[in-house]
Amino acid sequence: MRMGIPGFAPSFLTGLDAVRRAHGSPLAALAGRRLTRFALVRFAEDGDWFAGCPLGR
């Protein structure tokens, strides 16, 4: 059984500067807005959090 999303290639960022370069403008546009929903992904088997999950808008 193959798992995953065809064509999805996760991008892992390390450090604040890397996050700012990749996502700074969209994140800045959220300033002052109310958070109305969020998503977290956790493996049920071992309880670890998964950091590379794709999220839609």
C-alpha atoms as a PDB file:
ATOM      1  CA  MET A   1       0.000   0.000   0.000  1.00  0.00           C
ATOM      2  CA  ARG A   2       1.454   3.370  -1.022  1.00  0.00           C
ATOM      3  CA  MET A   3       0.790   6.250   1.323  1.00  0.00           C
ATOM      4  CA  GLY A   4       1.046   9.954   0.713  1.00  0.00           C
ATOM      5  CA  ILE A   5      -0.223  12.468  -1.791  1.00  0.00           C
ATOM      6  CA  PRO A   6       0.969  12.063  -5.372  1.00  0.00           C
ATOM      7  CA  GLY A   7       3.118  15.019  -6.407  1.00  0.00           C
ATOM      8  CA  PHE A   8       3.446  16.439  -2.872  1.00  0.00           C
ATOM      9  CA  ALA A   9       7.050  17.301  -1.974  1.00  0.00           C
ATOM     10  CA  PRO A  10       7.353  18.635   1.580  1.00  0.00           C
ATOM     11  CA  SER A  11       9.688  21.516   2.292  1.00  0.00           C
ATOM     12  CA  PHE A  12      11.189  21.585   5.772  1.00  0.00           C
ATOM     13  CA  LEU A  13      12.415  24.911   7.105  1.00  0.00           C
ATOM     14  CA  THR A  14      14.823  25.453   9.973  1.00  0.00           C
ATOM     15  CA  GLY A  15      15.003  28.746  11.810  1.00  0.00           C
ATOM     16  CA  LEU A  16      13.060  31.970  11.880  1.00  0.00           C
ATOM     17  CA  ASP A  17      14.885  33.539   8.917  1.00  0.00           C
ATOM     18  CA  ALA A  18      14.037  30.580   6.673  1.00  0.00           C
ATOM     19  CA  VAL A  19      10.361  30.783   7.680  1.00  0.00           C
ATOM     20  CA  ARG A  20      10.334  34.552   7.057  1.00  0.00           C
ATOM     21  CA  ARG A  21      11.848  34.149   3.578  1.00  0.00           C
ATOM     22  CA  ALA A  22       9.417  31.395   2.587  1.00  0.00           C
ATOM     23  CA  HIS A  23       6.207  32.621   4.253  1.00  0.00           C
ATOM     24  CA  GLY A  24       6.810  36.131   5.625  1.00  0.00           C
ATOM     25  CA  SER A  25       4.347  38.088   3.476  1.00  0.00           C
ATOM     26  CA  PRO A  26       1.372  35.706   3.863  1.00  0.00           C
ATOM     27  CA  LEU A  27       2.005  35.429   7.612  1.00  0.00           C
ATOM     28  CA  ALA A  28       2.291  39.215   7.999  1.00  0.00           C
ATOM     29  CA  ALA A  29      -1.066  39.586   6.243  1.00  0.00           C
ATOM     30  CA  LEU A  30      -2.632  37.551   9.065  1.00  0.00           C
ATOM     31  CA  ALA A  31      -1.619  40.066  11.752  1.00  0.00           C
ATOM     32  CA  GLY A  32      -4.654  41.391  13.584  1.00  0.00           C
ATOM     33  CA  ARG A  33      -7.000  38.753  12.147  1.00  0.00           C
ATOM     34  CA  ARG A  34      -8.937  36.336  14.328  1.00  0.00           C
ATOM     35  CA  LEU A  35      -7.850  32.686  14.261  1.00  0.00           C
ATOM     36  CA  THR A  36     -10.991  30.714  13.418  1.00  0.00           C
ATOM     37  CA  ARG A  37      -9.624  27.237  12.685  1.00  0.00           C
ATOM     38  CA  PHE A  38      -6.420  25.229  12.732  1.00  0.00           C
ATOM     39  CA  ALA A  39      -5.191  21.717  12.060  1.00  0.00           C
ATOM     40  CA  LEU A  40      -2.761  19.444  13.859  1.00  0.00           C
ATOM     41  CA  VAL A  41      -1.598  16.035  12.738  1.00  0.00           C
ATOM     42  CA  ARG A  42      -0.568  13.377  15.223  1.00  0.00           C
ATOM     43  CA  PHE A  43       0.307   9.733  14.658  1.00  0.00           C
ATOM     44  CA  ALA A  44      -2.191   7.661  16.633  1.00  0.00           C
ATOM     45  CA  GLU A  45       0.221   4.734  16.954  1.00  0.00           C
ATOM     46  CA  ASP A  46       2.951   6.507  18.908  1.00  0.00           C
ATOM     47  CA  GLY A  47       1.594   9.982  19.660  1.00  0.00           C
ATOM     48  CA  ASP A  48       4.298  11.845  17.723  1.00  0.00           C
ATOM     49  CA  TRP A  49       3.422  15.122  15.993  1.00  0.00           C
ATOM     50  CA  PHE A  50       3.856  15.304  12.220  1.00  0.00           C
ATOM     51  CA  ALA A  51       5.371  18.550  10.933  1.00  0.00           C
ATOM     52  CA  GLY A  52       5.215  17.890   7.171  1.00  0.00           C
ATOM     53  CA  CYS A  53       1.479  17.710   6.552  1.00  0.00           C
ATOM     54  CA  PRO A  54       0.068  19.707   3.638  1.00  0.00           C
ATOM     55  CA  LEU A  55      -2.708  22.138   4.502  1.00  0.00           C
ATOM     56  CA  GLY A  56      -5.237  23.611   2.130  1.00  0.00           C
ATOM     57  CA  ARG A  57      -6.644  27.100   2.275  1.00  0.00           C
END
